[in-house]
Amino acid sequence: MASIQDDIDQLERELMMRSLDALEADRSACADCGRTPLIGEQVDLYEDRPGRPPRLVCELCSQLRRGAPVARETVRHACAGQTVRLTARAI
């Protein structure tokens, strides 16, 4: 017979796994190595197959590719552009 503590431990593991899955689904990973690029890192977008969205390739893996990227972007924090900025008040 399972004890209450075993049920609590199982619930904690399940909640942790759900949160990790949600975080992983929201991240962008390199198409070649699977690494998550760091904030401030330059990433290249390559269009490997016409008609499909460009694939993100990290700065490390892009040096190994021969073709030219479609675009180059800087990785920004998820809150970039959504922060409140202080401005001087008009008198």
N, C-alpha and C. Protein backbone atom coordinates (compact mmCIF):
# COMPACT_ATOMS: atom_id res chain seq x y z
N MET A 1 0.85 -1.17 0.00
CA MET A 1 0.00 0.00 0.00
C MET A 1 0.90 1.24 0.00
N ALA A 2 0.62 2.14 -0.91
CA ALA A 2 1.43 3.35 -1.02
C ALA A 2 1.08 4.31 0.11
N SER A 3 2.09 4.93 0.63
CA SER A 3 1.86 5.91 1.69
C SER A 3 1.55 7.28 1.08
N ILE A 4 1.10 8.18 1.92
CA ILE A 4 0.80 9.54 1.47
C ILE A 4 2.07 10.23 0.99
N GLN A 5 3.19 9.97 1.65
CA GLN A 5 4.46 10.59 1.25
C GLN A 5 4.86 10.14 -0.16
N ASP A 6 4.62 8.88 -0.49
CA ASP A 6 4.92 8.41 -1.85
C ASP A 6 4.06 9.13 -2.88
N ASP A 7 2.80 9.35 -2.56
CA ASP A 7 1.91 10.07 -3.46
C ASP A 7 2.36 11.52 -3.64
N ILE A 8 2.79 12.14 -2.56
CA ILE A 8 3.29 13.52 -2.63
C ILE A 8 4.54 13.59 -3.48
N ASP A 9 5.45 12.64 -3.28
CA ASP A 9 6.68 12.62 -4.08
C ASP A 9 6.39 12.43 -5.56
N GLN A 10 5.45 11.55 -5.88
CA GLN A 10 5.08 11.31 -7.26
C GLN A 10 4.44 12.56 -7.87
N LEU A 11 3.61 13.26 -7.13
CA LEU A 11 2.99 14.50 -7.61
C LEU A 11 4.05 15.57 -7.87
N GLU A 12 5.01 15.69 -6.97
CA GLU A 12 6.08 16.68 -7.14
C GLU A 12 6.88 16.39 -8.41
N ARG A 13 7.21 15.11 -8.64
CA ARG A 13 7.95 14.74 -9.85
C ARG A 13 7.15 15.06 -11.11
N GLU A 14 5.87 14.75 -11.09
CA GLU A 14 5.02 15.01 -12.24
C GLU A 14 4.92 16.51 -12.54
N LEU A 15 4.75 17.32 -11.51
CA LEU A 15 4.67 18.78 -11.71
C LEU A 15 6.00 19.33 -12.23
N MET A 16 7.11 18.82 -11.73
CA MET A 16 8.42 19.27 -12.19
C MET A 16 8.62 18.90 -13.66
N MET A 17 8.25 17.70 -14.05
CA MET A 17 8.41 17.27 -15.43
C MET A 17 7.54 18.10 -16.38
N ARG A 18 6.32 18.43 -15.94
CA ARG A 18 5.46 19.28 -16.77
C ARG A 18 6.06 20.66 -16.97
N SER A 19 6.62 21.23 -15.90
CA SER A 19 7.20 22.56 -16.02
C SER A 19 8.44 22.54 -16.90
N LEU A 20 9.25 21.49 -16.81
CA LEU A 20 10.43 21.38 -17.66
C LEU A 20 10.04 21.22 -19.13
N ASP A 21 8.99 20.44 -19.38
CA ASP A 21 8.52 20.27 -20.75
C ASP A 21 8.01 21.59 -21.31
N ALA A 22 7.33 22.38 -20.49
CA ALA A 22 6.81 23.68 -20.94
C ALA A 22 7.96 24.63 -21.24
N LEU A 23 9.00 24.63 -20.42
CA LEU A 23 10.15 25.49 -20.67
C LEU A 23 10.89 25.07 -21.94
N GLU A 24 11.03 23.79 -22.14
CA GLU A 24 11.74 23.29 -23.31
C GLU A 24 10.98 23.58 -24.60
N ALA A 25 9.68 23.51 -24.54
CA ALA A 25 8.87 23.77 -25.73
C ALA A 25 8.94 25.22 -26.15
N ASP A 26 9.21 26.12 -25.21
CA ASP A 26 9.23 27.56 -25.48
C ASP A 26 10.59 28.06 -25.94
N ARG A 27 11.61 27.24 -25.90
CA ARG A 27 12.96 27.72 -26.22
C ARG A 27 13.30 27.47 -27.68
N SER A 28 14.24 28.25 -28.17
CA SER A 28 14.75 28.06 -29.52
C SER A 28 16.09 27.36 -29.41
N ALA A 29 16.27 26.32 -30.19
CA ALA A 29 17.51 25.55 -30.13
C ALA A 29 18.18 25.55 -31.50
N CYS A 30 19.48 25.34 -31.50
CA CYS A 30 20.25 25.26 -32.73
C CYS A 30 19.80 24.02 -33.51
N ALA A 31 19.62 24.17 -34.81
CA ALA A 31 19.18 23.06 -35.65
C ALA A 31 20.28 22.01 -35.80
N ASP A 32 21.54 22.38 -35.60
CA ASP A 32 22.64 21.44 -35.79
C ASP A 32 23.04 20.72 -34.51
N CYS A 33 23.25 21.47 -33.41
CA CYS A 33 23.76 20.85 -32.18
C CYS A 33 22.72 20.75 -31.07
N GLY A 34 21.59 21.47 -31.20
CA GLY A 34 20.54 21.41 -30.19
C GLY A 34 20.77 22.32 -29.00
N ARG A 35 21.88 23.08 -29.01
CA ARG A 35 22.20 23.97 -27.91
C ARG A 35 21.31 25.20 -27.94
N THR A 36 20.94 25.72 -26.76
CA THR A 36 20.17 26.95 -26.67
C THR A 36 21.14 28.13 -26.71
N PRO A 37 21.02 29.01 -27.70
CA PRO A 37 21.92 30.16 -27.78
C PRO A 37 21.74 31.09 -26.57
N LEU A 38 22.82 31.71 -26.16
CA LEU A 38 22.82 32.60 -25.01
C LEU A 38 22.32 33.99 -25.42
N ILE A 39 21.84 34.73 -24.43
CA ILE A 39 21.39 36.10 -24.67
C ILE A 39 22.58 36.93 -25.14
N GLY A 40 22.41 37.67 -26.22
CA GLY A 40 23.48 38.48 -26.78
C GLY A 40 24.26 37.77 -27.87
N GLU A 41 24.05 36.48 -28.03
CA GLU A 41 24.77 35.72 -29.05
C GLU A 41 24.16 35.97 -30.43
N GLN A 42 25.01 35.99 -31.44
CA GLN A 42 24.55 36.14 -32.82
C GLN A 42 24.15 34.76 -33.34
N VAL A 43 22.98 34.67 -33.95
CA VAL A 43 22.54 33.42 -34.56
C VAL A 43 22.23 33.70 -36.02
N ASP A 44 22.40 32.68 -36.84
CA ASP A 44 22.12 32.80 -38.26
C ASP A 44 20.88 31.98 -38.59
N LEU A 45 20.12 32.46 -39.56
CA LEU A 45 18.95 31.75 -40.05
C LEU A 45 19.25 31.23 -41.45
N TYR A 46 19.14 29.92 -41.63
CA TYR A 46 19.40 29.28 -42.90
C TYR A 46 18.12 28.68 -43.45
N GLU A 47 17.90 28.88 -44.74
CA GLU A 47 16.74 28.30 -45.40
C GLU A 47 17.21 27.05 -46.13
N ASP A 48 17.12 25.92 -45.45
CA ASP A 48 17.59 24.66 -46.03
C ASP A 48 16.62 24.11 -47.06
N ARG A 49 15.33 24.28 -46.78
CA ARG A 49 14.30 23.74 -47.67
C ARG A 49 13.34 24.86 -48.05
N PRO A 50 13.18 25.12 -49.34
CA PRO A 50 12.25 26.18 -49.77
C PRO A 50 10.82 25.90 -49.31
N GLY A 51 10.14 26.95 -48.91
CA GLY A 51 8.77 26.81 -48.45
C GLY A 51 8.63 26.51 -46.97
N ARG A 52 9.72 26.25 -46.30
CA ARG A 52 9.70 25.99 -44.86
C ARG A 52 10.36 27.16 -44.14
N PRO A 53 10.02 27.35 -42.86
CA PRO A 53 10.65 28.47 -42.13
C PRO A 53 12.16 28.25 -42.00
N PRO A 54 12.91 29.35 -41.95
CA PRO A 54 14.37 29.22 -41.80
C PRO A 54 14.73 28.55 -40.48
N ARG A 55 15.84 27.82 -40.50
CA ARG A 55 16.31 27.11 -39.31
C ARG A 55 17.36 27.94 -38.60
N LEU A 56 17.25 28.00 -37.28
CA LEU A 56 18.17 28.77 -36.45
C LEU A 56 19.44 27.95 -36.23
N VAL A 57 20.59 28.56 -36.44
CA VAL A 57 21.89 27.91 -36.24
C VAL A 57 22.72 28.82 -35.35
N CYS A 58 23.29 28.26 -34.29
CA CYS A 58 24.07 29.06 -33.33
C CYS A 58 25.37 29.55 -33.97
N GLU A 59 26.01 30.47 -33.28
CA GLU A 59 27.23 31.10 -33.79
C GLU A 59 28.35 30.08 -33.98
N LEU A 60 28.40 29.08 -33.13
CA LEU A 60 29.44 28.07 -33.23
C LEU A 60 29.24 27.18 -34.46
N CYS A 61 28.03 26.74 -34.68
CA CYS A 61 27.74 25.83 -35.80
C CYS A 61 27.71 26.55 -37.14
N SER A 62 27.40 27.84 -37.14
CA SER A 62 27.31 28.57 -38.41
C SER A 62 28.67 28.67 -39.08
N GLN A 63 29.75 28.57 -38.32
CA GLN A 63 31.10 28.61 -38.90
C GLN A 63 31.40 27.35 -39.69
N LEU A 64 30.67 26.27 -39.43
CA LEU A 64 30.88 25.01 -40.12
C LEU A 64 30.06 24.90 -41.40
N ARG A 65 29.13 25.81 -41.61
CA ARG A 65 28.28 25.78 -42.80
C ARG A 65 28.93 26.56 -43.94
N ARG A 66 28.71 26.10 -45.15
CA ARG A 66 29.32 26.73 -46.32
C ARG A 66 28.46 27.84 -46.90
N GLY A 67 27.14 27.64 -46.92
CA GLY A 67 26.25 28.61 -47.54
C GLY A 67 26.09 29.88 -46.71
N ALA A 68 25.59 30.90 -47.36
CA ALA A 68 25.35 32.17 -46.69
C ALA A 68 24.00 32.12 -45.98
N PRO A 69 23.91 32.72 -44.80
CA PRO A 69 22.63 32.72 -44.08
C PRO A 69 21.64 33.69 -44.71
N VAL A 70 20.37 33.43 -44.48
CA VAL A 70 19.31 34.31 -44.96
C VAL A 70 19.30 35.59 -44.12
N ALA A 71 19.53 35.44 -42.82
CA ALA A 71 19.54 36.59 -41.91
C ALA A 71 20.42 36.27 -40.70
N ARG A 72 20.81 37.33 -40.01
CA ARG A 72 21.59 37.19 -38.78
C ARG A 72 20.90 38.03 -37.71
N GLU A 73 20.67 37.42 -36.55
CA GLU A 73 19.96 38.11 -35.47
C GLU A 73 20.73 37.96 -34.16
N THR A 74 20.43 38.86 -33.25
CA THR A 74 20.98 38.80 -31.90
C THR A 74 19.91 38.22 -30.99
N VAL A 75 20.29 37.26 -30.16
CA VAL A 75 19.34 36.65 -29.23
C VAL A 75 19.04 37.68 -28.15
N ARG A 76 17.78 37.91 -27.92
CA ARG A 76 17.34 38.87 -26.91
C ARG A 76 16.62 38.15 -25.78
N HIS A 77 16.54 38.81 -24.66
CA HIS A 77 15.81 38.28 -23.51
C HIS A 77 14.33 38.24 -23.85
N ALA A 78 13.61 37.34 -23.24
CA ALA A 78 12.18 37.19 -23.53
C ALA A 78 11.40 38.47 -23.24
N CYS A 79 11.89 39.29 -22.34
CA CYS A 79 11.18 40.52 -21.97
C CYS A 79 11.65 41.72 -22.79
N ALA A 80 12.50 41.52 -23.77
CA ALA A 80 13.02 42.64 -24.56
C ALA A 80 11.88 43.37 -25.24
N GLY A 81 11.85 44.67 -25.05
CA GLY A 81 10.82 45.49 -25.66
C GLY A 81 9.54 45.56 -24.85
N GLN A 82 9.46 44.83 -23.77
CA GLN A 82 8.26 44.84 -22.96
C GLN A 82 8.47 45.51 -21.60
N THR A 83 9.64 46.09 -21.41
CA THR A 83 9.94 46.70 -20.13
C THR A 83 9.41 48.13 -20.09
N VAL A 84 9.24 48.64 -18.90
CA VAL A 84 8.78 50.00 -18.70
C VAL A 84 10.00 50.91 -18.66
N ARG A 85 9.96 51.97 -19.43
CA ARG A 85 11.08 52.90 -19.46
C ARG A 85 10.68 54.21 -18.81
N LEU A 86 11.58 54.73 -18.02
CA LEU A 86 11.34 56.03 -17.38
C LEU A 86 11.62 57.14 -18.37
N THR A 87 10.75 58.10 -18.44
CA THR A 87 10.95 59.25 -19.32
C THR A 87 10.78 60.52 -18.48
N ALA A 88 11.33 61.59 -18.98
CA ALA A 88 11.20 62.87 -18.27
C ALA A 88 9.76 63.37 -18.42
N ARG A 89 9.24 63.90 -17.36
CA ARG A 89 7.88 64.43 -17.39
C ARG A 89 7.86 65.79 -18.08
N ALA A 90 6.82 66.02 -18.85
CA ALA A 90 6.64 67.33 -19.48
C ALA A 90 6.03 68.26 -18.43
N ILE A 91 6.59 69.45 -18.34
CA ILE A 91 6.11 70.41 -17.33
C ILE A 91 5.12 71.35 -17.92
